[in-house]
């Protein structure tokens, strides 16, 4: 599988997971209606479904590689949804974990 569909899978999973978790955050921490939990639950279900499409041969490897994408997507969410501008440490950390995710996913593993 080429890198673009794999990136799309992880990006869709990240968006679904962050949206689902944000719905819980909004209800619990920001006083939003409990109705936020319904689309949040759907989003978290979609997260698991999207991640199952990962081309990684093992679930643990798929989850580990996804972790880097999740961190980077969370920084994008911070900026685009919450309006907080990431600082250089946010960007450096996201770049670092994306590098690690690429090593995990793209390395020629023995099995």
PDB file of N, CA and C in Angstrom:
ATOM      1  N   UNK A   1       0.858  -1.178   0.000  1.00  0.00           N
ATOM      2  CA  UNK A   1       0.000   0.000   0.000  1.00  0.00           C
ATOM      3  C   UNK A   1       0.898   1.233   0.000  1.00  0.00           C
ATOM      4  N   UNK A   2       0.533   2.213  -0.779  1.00  0.00           N
ATOM      5  CA  UNK A   2       1.346   3.427  -0.855  1.00  0.00           C
ATOM      6  C   UNK A   2       1.127   4.296   0.384  1.00  0.00           C
ATOM      7  N   UNK A   3       2.000   5.270   0.537  1.00  0.00           N
ATOM      8  CA  UNK A   3       1.970   6.121   1.722  1.00  0.00           C
ATOM      9  C   UNK A   3       0.719   6.995   1.786  1.00  0.00           C
ATOM     10  N   UNK A   4       0.203   7.447   0.645  1.00  0.00           N
ATOM     11  CA  UNK A   4      -0.945   8.360   0.673  1.00  0.00           C
ATOM     12  C   UNK A   4      -2.199   7.717   1.255  1.00  0.00           C
ATOM     13  N   UNK A   5      -2.616   6.524   0.801  1.00  0.00           N
ATOM     14  CA  UNK A   5      -3.786   5.917   1.448  1.00  0.00           C
ATOM     15  C   UNK A   5      -3.546   5.615   2.927  1.00  0.00           C
ATOM     16  N   UNK A   6      -2.320   5.225   3.271  1.00  0.00           N
ATOM     17  CA  UNK A   6      -2.017   4.965   4.673  1.00  0.00           C
ATOM     18  C   UNK A   6      -2.149   6.244   5.482  1.00  0.00           C
ATOM     19  N   UNK A   7      -1.628   7.342   4.969  1.00  0.00           N
ATOM     20  CA  UNK A   7      -1.753   8.624   5.656  1.00  0.00           C
ATOM     21  C   UNK A   7      -3.217   9.015   5.789  1.00  0.00           C
ATOM     22  N   UNK A   8      -4.009   8.771   4.762  1.00  0.00           N
ATOM     23  CA  UNK A   8      -5.440   9.094   4.812  1.00  0.00           C
ATOM     24  C   UNK A   8      -6.151   8.264   5.884  1.00  0.00           C
ATOM     25  N   UNK A   9      -5.783   6.994   6.007  1.00  0.00           N
ATOM     26  CA  UNK A   9      -6.376   6.136   7.037  1.00  0.00           C
ATOM     27  C   UNK A   9      -6.066   6.695   8.424  1.00  0.00           C
ATOM     28  N   UNK A  10      -4.788   6.996   8.660  1.00  0.00           N
ATOM     29  CA  UNK A  10      -4.400   7.509   9.971  1.00  0.00           C
ATOM     30  C   UNK A  10      -4.987   8.897  10.228  1.00  0.00           C
ATOM     31  N   UNK A  11      -5.076   9.728   9.220  1.00  0.00           N
ATOM     32  CA  UNK A  11      -5.669  11.062   9.398  1.00  0.00           C
ATOM     33  C   UNK A  11      -7.152  10.949   9.746  1.00  0.00           C
ATOM     34  N   UNK A  12      -7.875  10.063   9.064  1.00  0.00           N
ATOM     35  CA  UNK A  12      -9.297   9.874   9.367  1.00  0.00           C
ATOM     36  C   UNK A  12      -9.474   9.330  10.777  1.00  0.00           C
ATOM     37  N   UNK A  13      -8.630   8.384  11.168  1.00  0.00           N
ATOM     38  CA  UNK A  13      -8.697   7.834  12.524  1.00  0.00           C
ATOM     39  C   UNK A  13      -8.426   8.925  13.559  1.00  0.00           C
ATOM     40  N   UNK A  14      -7.425   9.752  13.293  1.00  0.00           N
ATOM     41  CA  UNK A  14      -7.084  10.823  14.234  1.00  0.00           C
ATOM     42  C   UNK A  14      -8.228  11.815  14.371  1.00  0.00           C
ATOM     43  N   UNK A  15      -8.804  12.227  13.262  1.00  0.00           N
ATOM     44  CA  UNK A  15      -9.917  13.174  13.326  1.00  0.00           C
ATOM     45  C   UNK A  15     -11.077  12.589  14.123  1.00  0.00           C
ATOM     46  N   UNK A  16     -11.394  11.322  13.873  1.00  0.00           N
ATOM     47  CA  UNK A  16     -12.503  10.691  14.592  1.00  0.00           C
ATOM     48  C   UNK A  16     -12.193  10.564  16.081  1.00  0.00           C
ATOM     49  N   UNK A  17     -10.973  10.148  16.418  1.00  0.00           N
ATOM     50  CA  UNK A  17     -10.638   9.991  17.836  1.00  0.00           C
ATOM     51  C   UNK A  17     -10.628  11.330  18.562  1.00  0.00           C
ATOM     52  N   UNK A  18     -10.013  12.322  17.963  1.00  0.00           N
ATOM     53  CA  UNK A  18      -9.940  13.635  18.615  1.00  0.00           C
ATOM     54  C   UNK A  18     -11.336  14.232  18.760  1.00  0.00           C
ATOM     55  N   UNK A  19     -12.171  14.104  17.733  1.00  0.00           N
ATOM     56  CA  UNK A  19     -13.540  14.627  17.818  1.00  0.00           C
ATOM     57  C   UNK A  19     -14.326  13.915  18.918  1.00  0.00           C
ATOM     58  N   UNK A  20     -14.178  12.599  19.006  1.00  0.00           N
ATOM     59  CA  UNK A  20     -14.878  11.843  20.040  1.00  0.00           C
ATOM     60  C   UNK A  20     -14.420  12.226  21.434  1.00  0.00           C
ATOM     61  N   UNK A  21     -13.119  12.338  21.604  1.00  0.00           N
ATOM     62  CA  UNK A  21     -12.582  12.733  22.914  1.00  0.00           C
ATOM     63  C   UNK A  21     -12.953  14.169  23.253  1.00  0.00           C
ATOM     64  N   UNK A  22     -12.971  15.032  22.244  1.00  0.00           N
ATOM     65  CA  UNK A  22     -13.345  16.425  22.488  1.00  0.00           C
ATOM     66  C   UNK A  22     -14.807  16.521  22.934  1.00  0.00           C
ATOM     67  N   UNK A  23     -15.662  15.665  22.375  1.00  0.00           N
ATOM     68  CA  UNK A  23     -17.070  15.677  22.786  1.00  0.00           C
ATOM     69  C   UNK A  23     -17.195  15.353  24.276  1.00  0.00           C
ATOM     70  N   UNK A  24     -16.415  14.383  24.728  1.00  0.00           N
ATOM     71  CA  UNK A  24     -16.430  14.049  26.157  1.00  0.00           C
ATOM     72  C   UNK A  24     -15.871  15.213  26.971  1.00  0.00           C
ATOM     73  N   UNK A  25     -14.781  15.795  26.509  1.00  0.00           N
ATOM     74  CA  UNK A  25     -14.172  16.961  27.177  1.00  0.00           C
ATOM     75  C   UNK A  25     -15.196  18.098  27.279  1.00  0.00           C
ATOM     76  N   UNK A  26     -15.884  18.370  26.166  1.00  0.00           N
ATOM     77  CA  UNK A  26     -16.854  19.472  26.152  1.00  0.00           C
ATOM     78  C   UNK A  26     -17.968  19.229  27.165  1.00  0.00           C
ATOM     79  N   UNK A  27     -18.432  17.997  27.254  1.00  0.00           N
ATOM     80  CA  UNK A  27     -19.491  17.669  28.214  1.00  0.00           C
ATOM     81  C   UNK A  27     -18.979  17.745  29.650  1.00  0.00           C
ATOM     82  N   UNK A  28     -17.861  17.078  29.910  1.00  0.00           N
ATOM     83  CA  UNK A  28     -17.361  16.952  31.275  1.00  0.00           C
ATOM     84  C   UNK A  28     -16.722  18.230  31.796  1.00  0.00           C
ATOM     85  N   UNK A  29     -15.877  18.848  30.956  1.00  0.00           N
ATOM     86  CA  UNK A  29     -15.068  19.960  31.436  1.00  0.00           C
ATOM     87  C   UNK A  29     -15.602  21.336  31.054  1.00  0.00           C
ATOM     88  N   UNK A  30     -16.382  21.405  29.960  1.00  0.00           N
ATOM     89  CA  UNK A  30     -16.824  22.716  29.492  1.00  0.00           C
ATOM     90  C   UNK A  30     -18.320  22.945  29.668  1.00  0.00           C
ATOM     91  N   UNK A  31     -19.016  22.001  30.278  1.00  0.00           N
ATOM     92  CA  UNK A  31     -20.427  22.197  30.571  1.00  0.00           C
ATOM     93  C   UNK A  31     -21.377  22.030  29.402  1.00  0.00           C
ATOM     94  N   UNK A  32     -20.940  21.377  28.336  1.00  0.00           N
ATOM     95  CA  UNK A  32     -21.823  21.139  27.188  1.00  0.00           C
ATOM     96  C   UNK A  32     -22.875  20.095  27.565  1.00  0.00           C
ATOM     97  N   UNK A  33     -23.925  20.054  26.787  1.00  0.00           N
ATOM     98  CA  UNK A  33     -24.999  19.100  26.998  1.00  0.00           C
ATOM     99  C   UNK A  33     -24.485  17.662  26.907  1.00  0.00           C
ATOM    100  N   UNK A  34     -25.120  16.768  27.661  1.00  0.00           N
ATOM    101  CA  UNK A  34     -24.773  15.346  27.598  1.00  0.00           C
ATOM    102  C   UNK A  34     -25.060  14.770  26.213  1.00  0.00           C
ATOM    103  N   UNK A  35     -25.844  15.471  25.412  1.00  0.00           N
ATOM    104  CA  UNK A  35     -26.097  15.005  24.045  1.00  0.00           C
ATOM    105  C   UNK A  35     -24.816  14.973  23.206  1.00  0.00           C
ATOM    106  N   UNK A  36     -23.808  15.712  23.618  1.00  0.00           N
ATOM    107  CA  UNK A  36     -22.512  15.675  22.925  1.00  0.00           C
ATOM    108  C   UNK A  36     -21.913  14.273  22.962  1.00  0.00           C
ATOM    109  N   UNK A  37     -22.320  13.473  23.952  1.00  0.00           N
ATOM    110  CA  UNK A  37     -21.766  12.129  24.084  1.00  0.00           C
ATOM    111  C   UNK A  37     -22.215  11.201  22.956  1.00  0.00           C
ATOM    112  N   UNK A  38     -23.360  11.473  22.362  1.00  0.00           N
ATOM    113  CA  UNK A  38     -23.839  10.612  21.266  1.00  0.00           C
ATOM    114  C   UNK A  38     -22.940  10.695  20.032  1.00  0.00           C
ATOM    115  N   UNK A  39     -22.727  11.877  19.454  1.00  0.00           N
ATOM    116  CA  UNK A  39     -21.810  11.915  18.310  1.00  0.00           C
ATOM    117  C   UNK A  39     -20.376  11.572  18.726  1.00  0.00           C
ATOM    118  N   UNK A  40     -20.032  11.852  19.984  1.00  0.00           N
ATOM    119  CA  UNK A  40     -18.712  11.479  20.467  1.00  0.00           C
ATOM    120  C   UNK A  40     -18.509   9.974  20.439  1.00  0.00           C
ATOM    121  N   UNK A  41     -19.504   9.232  20.867  1.00  0.00           N
ATOM    122  CA  UNK A  41     -19.437   7.767  20.830  1.00  0.00           C
ATOM    123  C   UNK A  41     -19.345   7.231  19.418  1.00  0.00           C
ATOM    124  N   UNK A  42     -20.112   7.826  18.505  1.00  0.00           N
ATOM    125  CA  UNK A  42     -20.040   7.424  17.098  1.00  0.00           C
ATOM    126  C   UNK A  42     -18.644   7.698  16.544  1.00  0.00           C
ATOM    127  N   UNK A  43     -18.110   8.872  16.868  1.00  0.00           N
ATOM    128  CA  UNK A  43     -16.778   9.223  16.385  1.00  0.00           C
ATOM    129  C   UNK A  43     -15.729   8.251  16.910  1.00  0.00           C
ATOM    130  N   UNK A  44     -15.821   7.859  18.164  1.00  0.00           N
ATOM    131  CA  UNK A  44     -14.847   6.910  18.714  1.00  0.00           C
ATOM    132  C   UNK A  44     -14.991   5.529  18.078  1.00  0.00           C
ATOM    133  N   UNK A  45     -16.221   5.141  17.746  1.00  0.00           N
ATOM    134  CA  UNK A  45     -16.413   3.891  17.008  1.00  0.00           C
ATOM    135  C   UNK A  45     -15.787   3.951  15.622  1.00  0.00           C
ATOM    136  N   UNK A  46     -15.946   5.090  14.951  1.00  0.00           N
ATOM    137  CA  UNK A  46     -15.328   5.278  13.636  1.00  0.00           C
ATOM    138  C   UNK A  46     -13.807   5.249  13.729  1.00  0.00           C
ATOM    139  N   UNK A  47     -13.269   5.797  14.808  1.00  0.00           N
ATOM    140  CA  UNK A  47     -11.827   5.756  15.022  1.00  0.00           C
ATOM    141  C   UNK A  47     -11.321   4.315  14.969  1.00  0.00           C
ATOM    142  N   UNK A  48     -11.926   3.442  15.718  1.00  0.00           N
ATOM    143  CA  UNK A  48     -11.505   2.036  15.716  1.00  0.00           C
ATOM    144  C   UNK A  48     -11.669   1.389  14.360  1.00  0.00           C
ATOM    145  N   UNK A  49     -12.742   1.720  13.681  1.00  0.00           N
ATOM    146  CA  UNK A  49     -13.003   1.147  12.351  1.00  0.00           C
ATOM    147  C   UNK A  49     -11.945   1.613  11.361  1.00  0.00           C
ATOM    148  N   UNK A  50     -11.650   2.909  11.335  1.00  0.00           N
ATOM    149  CA  UNK A  50     -10.630   3.429  10.419  1.00  0.00           C
ATOM    150  C   UNK A  50      -9.265   2.798  10.703  1.00  0.00           C
ATOM    151  N   UNK A  51      -8.904   2.706  11.969  1.00  0.00           N
ATOM    152  CA  UNK A  51      -7.581   2.200  12.317  1.00  0.00           C
ATOM    153  C   UNK A  51      -7.415   0.732  11.909  1.00  0.00           C
ATOM    154  N   UNK A  52      -8.517  -0.001  11.856  1.00  0.00           N
ATOM    155  CA  UNK A  52      -8.449  -1.405  11.433  1.00  0.00           C
ATOM    156  C   UNK A  52      -8.022  -1.545   9.969  1.00  0.00           C
ATOM    157  N   UNK A  53      -8.078  -0.483   9.190  1.00  0.00           N
ATOM    158  CA  UNK A  53      -7.648  -0.513   7.793  1.00  0.00           C
ATOM    159  C   UNK A  53      -6.144  -0.294   7.623  1.00  0.00           C
ATOM    160  N   UNK A  54      -5.429  -0.080   8.711  1.00  0.00           N
ATOM    161  CA  UNK A  54      -3.984   0.144   8.623  1.00  0.00           C
ATOM    162  C   UNK A  54      -3.311  -1.039   7.926  1.00  0.00           C
ATOM    163  N   UNK A  55      -2.323  -0.768   7.073  1.00  0.00           N
ATOM    164  CA  UNK A  55      -1.632  -1.853   6.390  1.00  0.00           C
ATOM    165  C   UNK A  55      -0.612  -2.577   7.269  1.00  0.00           C
ATOM    166  N   UNK A  56      -0.393  -2.113   8.490  1.00  0.00           N
ATOM    167  CA  UNK A  56       0.565  -2.772   9.379  1.00  0.00           C
ATOM    168  C   UNK A  56       0.130  -4.216   9.611  1.00  0.00           C
ATOM    169  N   UNK A  57       1.101  -5.106   9.698  1.00  0.00           N
ATOM    170  CA  UNK A  57       0.800  -6.528   9.854  1.00  0.00           C
ATOM    171  C   UNK A  57       0.308  -6.922  11.234  1.00  0.00           C
ATOM    172  N   UNK A  58       0.536  -6.083  12.227  1.00  0.00           N
ATOM    173  CA  UNK A  58       0.138  -6.372  13.598  1.00  0.00           C
ATOM    174  C   UNK A  58      -0.564  -5.150  14.185  1.00  0.00           C
ATOM    175  N   UNK A  59      -1.550  -5.402  15.022  1.00  0.00           N
ATOM    176  CA  UNK A  59      -2.312  -4.304  15.622  1.00  0.00           C
ATOM    177  C   UNK A  59      -1.417  -3.385  16.450  1.00  0.00           C
ATOM    178  N   UNK A  60      -0.542  -3.957  17.242  1.00  0.00           N
ATOM    179  CA  UNK A  60       0.338  -3.136  18.080  1.00  0.00           C
ATOM    180  C   UNK A  60       1.203  -2.202  17.263  1.00  0.00           C
ATOM    181  N   UNK A  61       1.683  -2.675  16.116  1.00  0.00           N
ATOM    182  CA  UNK A  61       2.504  -1.827  15.253  1.00  0.00           C
ATOM    183  C   UNK A  61       1.643  -0.732  14.626  1.00  0.00           C
ATOM    184  N   UNK A  62       0.435  -1.070  14.244  1.00  0.00           N
ATOM    185  CA  UNK A  62      -0.481  -0.060  13.691  1.00  0.00           C
ATOM    186  C   UNK A  62      -0.771   1.015  14.730  1.00  0.00           C
ATOM    187  N   UNK A  63      -1.014   0.600  15.968  1.00  0.00           N
ATOM    188  CA  UNK A  63      -1.331   1.568  17.026  1.00  0.00           C
ATOM    189  C   UNK A  63      -0.123   2.444  17.347  1.00  0.00           C
ATOM    190  N   UNK A  64       1.055   1.833  17.362  1.00  0.00           N
ATOM    191  CA  UNK A  64       2.269   2.601  17.659  1.00  0.00           C
ATOM    192  C   UNK A  64       2.520   3.651  16.581  1.00  0.00           C
ATOM    193  N   UNK A  65       2.400   3.262  15.315  1.00  0.00           N
ATOM    194  CA  UNK A  65       2.596   4.221  14.223  1.00  0.00           C
ATOM    195  C   UNK A  65       1.521   5.297  14.248  1.00  0.00           C
ATOM    196  N   UNK A  66       0.297   4.898  14.538  1.00  0.00           N
ATOM    197  CA  UNK A  66      -0.802   5.858  14.614  1.00  0.00           C
ATOM    198  C   UNK A  66      -0.560   6.895  15.706  1.00  0.00           C
ATOM    199  N   UNK A  67       0.096   6.506  16.784  1.00  0.00           N
ATOM    200  CA  UNK A  67       0.335   7.424  17.895  1.00  0.00           C
ATOM    201  C   UNK A  67       1.010   8.710  17.458  1.00  0.00           C
ATOM    202  N   UNK A  68       1.969   8.608  16.558  1.00  0.00           N
ATOM    203  CA  UNK A  68       2.643   9.807  16.054  1.00  0.00           C
ATOM    204  C   UNK A  68       1.707  10.706  15.272  1.00  0.00           C
ATOM    205  N   UNK A  69       0.863  10.085  14.460  1.00  0.00           N
ATOM    206  CA  UNK A  69      -0.109  10.864  13.683  1.00  0.00           C
ATOM    207  C   UNK A  69      -1.101  11.532  14.625  1.00  0.00           C
ATOM    208  N   UNK A  70      -1.500  10.824  15.677  1.00  0.00           N
ATOM    209  CA  UNK A  70      -2.432  11.388  16.649  1.00  0.00           C
ATOM    210  C   UNK A  70      -1.858  12.634  17.317  1.00  0.00           C
ATOM    211  N   UNK A  71      -0.606  12.562  17.709  1.00  0.00           N
ATOM    212  CA  UNK A  71       0.028  13.714  18.361  1.00  0.00           C
ATOM    213  C   UNK A  71       0.046  14.915  17.418  1.00  0.00           C
ATOM    214  N   UNK A  72       0.471  14.700  16.177  1.00  0.00           N
ATOM    215  CA  UNK A  72       0.529  15.797  15.210  1.00  0.00           C
ATOM    216  C   UNK A  72      -0.871  16.347  14.917  1.00  0.00           C
ATOM    217  N   UNK A  73      -1.845  15.457  14.764  1.00  0.00           N
ATOM    218  CA  UNK A  73      -3.221  15.903  14.506  1.00  0.00           C
ATOM    219  C   UNK A  73      -3.777  16.681  15.693  1.00  0.00           C
ATOM    220  N   UNK A  74      -3.386  16.319  16.896  1.00  0.00           N
ATOM    221  CA  UNK A  74      -3.832  17.041  18.084  1.00  0.00           C
ATOM    222  C   UNK A  74      -3.306  18.469  18.097  1.00  0.00           C
ATOM    223  N   UNK A  75      -2.100  18.659  17.604  1.00  0.00           N
ATOM    224  CA  UNK A  75      -1.537  20.016  17.514  1.00  0.00           C
ATOM    225  C   UNK A  75      -2.310  20.827  16.467  1.00  0.00           C
ATOM    226  N   UNK A  76      -2.673  20.187  15.364  1.00  0.00           N
ATOM    227  CA  UNK A  76      -3.501  20.869  14.353  1.00  0.00           C
ATOM    228  C   UNK A  76      -4.858  21.228  14.956  1.00  0.00           C
ATOM    229  N   UNK A  77      -5.460  20.323  15.724  1.00  0.00           N
ATOM    230  CA  UNK A  77      -6.742  20.585  16.392  1.00  0.00           C
ATOM    231  C   UNK A  77      -6.608  21.760  17.355  1.00  0.00           C
ATOM    232  N   UNK A  78      -5.530  21.751  18.134  1.00  0.00           N
ATOM    233  CA  UNK A  78      -5.258  22.840  19.073  1.00  0.00           C
ATOM    234  C   UNK A  78      -5.348  24.186  18.372  1.00  0.00           C
ATOM    235  N   UNK A  79      -4.764  24.265  17.201  1.00  0.00           N
ATOM    236  CA  UNK A  79      -4.694  25.506  16.451  1.00  0.00           C
ATOM    237  C   UNK A  79      -6.011  25.811  15.732  1.00  0.00           C
ATOM    238  N   UNK A  80      -6.532  24.828  14.988  1.00  0.00           N
ATOM    239  CA  UNK A  80      -7.680  25.099  14.117  1.00  0.00           C
ATOM    240  C   UNK A  80      -9.018  25.134  14.843  1.00  0.00           C
ATOM    241  N   UNK A  81      -9.181  24.337  15.881  1.00  0.00           N
ATOM    242  CA  UNK A  81     -10.467  24.273  16.579  1.00  0.00           C
ATOM    243  C   UNK A  81     -10.456  25.099  17.859  1.00  0.00           C
ATOM    244  N   UNK A  82      -9.371  24.980  18.628  1.00  0.00           N
ATOM    245  CA  UNK A  82      -9.325  25.663  19.917  1.00  0.00           C
ATOM    246  C   UNK A  82      -8.701  27.051  19.849  1.00  0.00           C
ATOM    247  N   UNK A  83      -8.100  27.394  18.726  1.00  0.00           N
ATOM    248  CA  UNK A  83      -7.580  28.734  18.521  1.00  0.00           C
ATOM    249  C   UNK A  83      -6.286  29.059  19.237  1.00  0.00           C
ATOM    250  N   UNK A  84      -5.586  28.057  19.767  1.00  0.00           N
ATOM    251  CA  UNK A  84      -4.296  28.281  20.432  1.00  0.00           C
ATOM    252  C   UNK A  84      -3.178  28.008  19.425  1.00  0.00           C
ATOM    253  N   UNK A  85      -2.324  28.987  19.240  1.00  0.00           N
ATOM    254  CA  UNK A  85      -1.239  28.845  18.271  1.00  0.00           C
ATOM    255  C   UNK A  85      -0.142  27.948  18.863  1.00  0.00           C
ATOM    256  N   UNK A  86       0.209  26.863  18.149  1.00  0.00           N
ATOM    257  CA  UNK A  86       1.280  25.993  18.649  1.00  0.00           C
ATOM    258  C   UNK A  86       2.606  26.750  18.709  1.00  0.00           C
ATOM    259  N   UNK A  87       3.410  26.444  19.726  1.00  0.00           N
ATOM    260  CA  UNK A  87       4.723  27.068  19.798  1.00  0.00           C
ATOM    261  C   UNK A  87       5.765  26.134  19.171  1.00  0.00           C
ATOM    262  N   UNK A  88       7.001  26.556  19.192  1.00  0.00           N
ATOM    263  CA  UNK A  88       8.046  25.774  18.519  1.00  0.00           C
ATOM    264  C   UNK A  88       8.223  24.410  19.169  1.00  0.00           C
ATOM    265  N   UNK A  89       7.933  24.286  20.449  1.00  0.00           N
ATOM    266  CA  UNK A  89       8.061  23.010  21.134  1.00  0.00           C
ATOM    267  C   UNK A  89       6.952  22.052  20.715  1.00  0.00           C
ATOM    268  N   UNK A  90       5.757  22.581  20.495  1.00  0.00           N
ATOM    269  CA  UNK A  90       4.660  21.760  19.981  1.00  0.00           C
ATOM    270  C   UNK A  90       5.029  21.202  18.606  1.00  0.00           C
ATOM    271  N   UNK A  91       5.547  22.081  17.740  1.00  0.00           N
ATOM    272  CA  UNK A  91       5.908  21.676  16.374  1.00  0.00           C
ATOM    273  C   UNK A  91       7.063  20.679  16.404  1.00  0.00           C
ATOM    274  N   UNK A  92       8.085  20.956  17.215  1.00  0.00           N
ATOM    275  CA  UNK A  92       9.239  20.052  17.302  1.00  0.00           C
ATOM    276  C   UNK A  92       8.808  18.681  17.822  1.00  0.00           C
ATOM    277  N   UNK A  93       7.964  18.656  18.830  1.00  0.00           N
ATOM    278  CA  UNK A  93       7.498  17.380  19.378  1.00  0.00           C
ATOM    279  C   UNK A  93       6.694  16.591  18.366  1.00  0.00           C
ATOM    280  N   UNK A  94       5.815  17.282  17.631  1.00  0.00           N
ATOM    281  CA  UNK A  94       5.023  16.605  16.611  1.00  0.00           C
ATOM    282  C   UNK A  94       5.923  16.034  15.510  1.00  0.00           C
ATOM    283  N   UNK A  95       6.927  16.794  15.102  1.00  0.00           N
ATOM    284  CA  UNK A  95       7.859  16.303  14.080  1.00  0.00           C
ATOM    285  C   UNK A  95       8.624  15.081  14.584  1.00  0.00           C
ATOM    286  N   UNK A  96       9.001  15.109  15.840  1.00  0.00           N
ATOM    287  CA  UNK A  96       9.740  13.992  16.421  1.00  0.00           C
ATOM    288  C   UNK A  96       8.913  12.713  16.442  1.00  0.00           C
ATOM    289  N   UNK A  97       7.666  12.807  16.895  1.00  0.00           N
ATOM    290  CA  UNK A  97       6.847  11.598  16.959  1.00  0.00           C
ATOM    291  C   UNK A  97       6.435  11.113  15.573  1.00  0.00           C
ATOM    292  N   UNK A  98       6.262  12.037  14.614  1.00  0.00           N
ATOM    293  CA  UNK A  98       5.967  11.605  13.243  1.00  0.00           C
ATOM    294  C   UNK A  98       7.145  10.850  12.646  1.00  0.00           C
ATOM    295  N   UNK A  99       8.348  11.279  12.971  1.00  0.00           N
ATOM    296  CA  UNK A  99       9.531  10.562  12.512  1.00  0.00           C
ATOM    297  C   UNK A  99       9.545   9.150  13.092  1.00  0.00           C
ATOM    298  N   UNK A 100       9.264   9.051  14.369  1.00  0.00           N
ATOM    299  CA  UNK A 100       9.200   7.737  15.004  1.00  0.00           C
ATOM    300  C   UNK A 100       8.111   6.861  14.398  1.00  0.00           C
ATOM    301  N   UNK A 101       6.958   7.441  14.112  1.00  0.00           N
ATOM    302  CA  UNK A 101       5.864   6.684  13.492  1.00  0.00           C
ATOM    303  C   UNK A 101       6.270   6.171  12.121  1.00  0.00           C
ATOM    304  N   UNK A 102       6.971   6.995  11.356  1.00  0.00           N
ATOM    305  CA  UNK A 102       7.405   6.565  10.032  1.00  0.00           C
ATOM    306  C   UNK A 102       8.398   5.412  10.141  1.00  0.00           C
ATOM    307  N   UNK A 103       9.301   5.476  11.086  1.00  0.00           N
ATOM    308  CA  UNK A 103      10.260   4.379  11.280  1.00  0.00           C
ATOM    309  C   UNK A 103       9.515   3.092  11.601  1.00  0.00           C
ATOM    310  N   UNK A 104       8.557   3.157  12.530  1.00  0.00           N
ATOM    311  CA  UNK A 104       7.803   1.967  12.931  1.00  0.00           C
ATOM    312  C   UNK A 104       7.034   1.389  11.746  1.00  0.00           C
ATOM    313  N   UNK A 105       6.355   2.224  10.998  1.00  0.00           N
ATOM    314  CA  UNK A 105       5.467   1.731   9.947  1.00  0.00           C
ATOM    315  C   UNK A 105       6.227   1.320   8.683  1.00  0.00           C
ATOM    316  N   UNK A 106       7.261   2.045   8.322  1.00  0.00           N
ATOM    317  CA  UNK A 106       7.914   1.831   7.024  1.00  0.00           C
ATOM    318  C   UNK A 106       9.165   0.969   7.069  1.00  0.00           C
ATOM    319  N   UNK A 107       9.664   0.645   8.242  1.00  0.00           N
ATOM    320  CA  UNK A 107      10.880  -0.168   8.345  1.00  0.00           C
ATOM    321  C   UNK A 107      10.626  -1.579   7.810  1.00  0.00           C
ATOM    322  N   UNK A 108      11.660  -2.210   7.271  1.00  0.00           N
ATOM    323  CA  UNK A 108      11.506  -3.599   6.771  1.00  0.00           C
ATOM    324  C   UNK A 108      11.563  -4.599   7.938  1.00  0.00           C
ATOM    325  N   UNK A 109      10.442  -4.815   8.575  1.00  0.00           N
ATOM    326  CA  UNK A 109      10.375  -5.720   9.723  1.00  0.00           C
ATOM    327  C   UNK A 109      10.561  -7.168   9.280  1.00  0.00           C
ATOM    328  N   UNK A 110      11.095  -7.989  10.172  1.00  0.00           N
ATOM    329  CA  UNK A 110      11.347  -9.402   9.856  1.00  0.00           C
ATOM    330  C   UNK A 110      10.056 -10.181   9.637  1.00  0.00           C
ATOM    331  N   UNK A 111       8.996  -9.825  10.369  1.00  0.00           N
ATOM    332  CA  UNK A 111       7.718 -10.538  10.194  1.00  0.00           C
ATOM    333  C   UNK A 111       6.597  -9.584   9.967  1.00  0.00           C
TER     334      UNK A 111
END
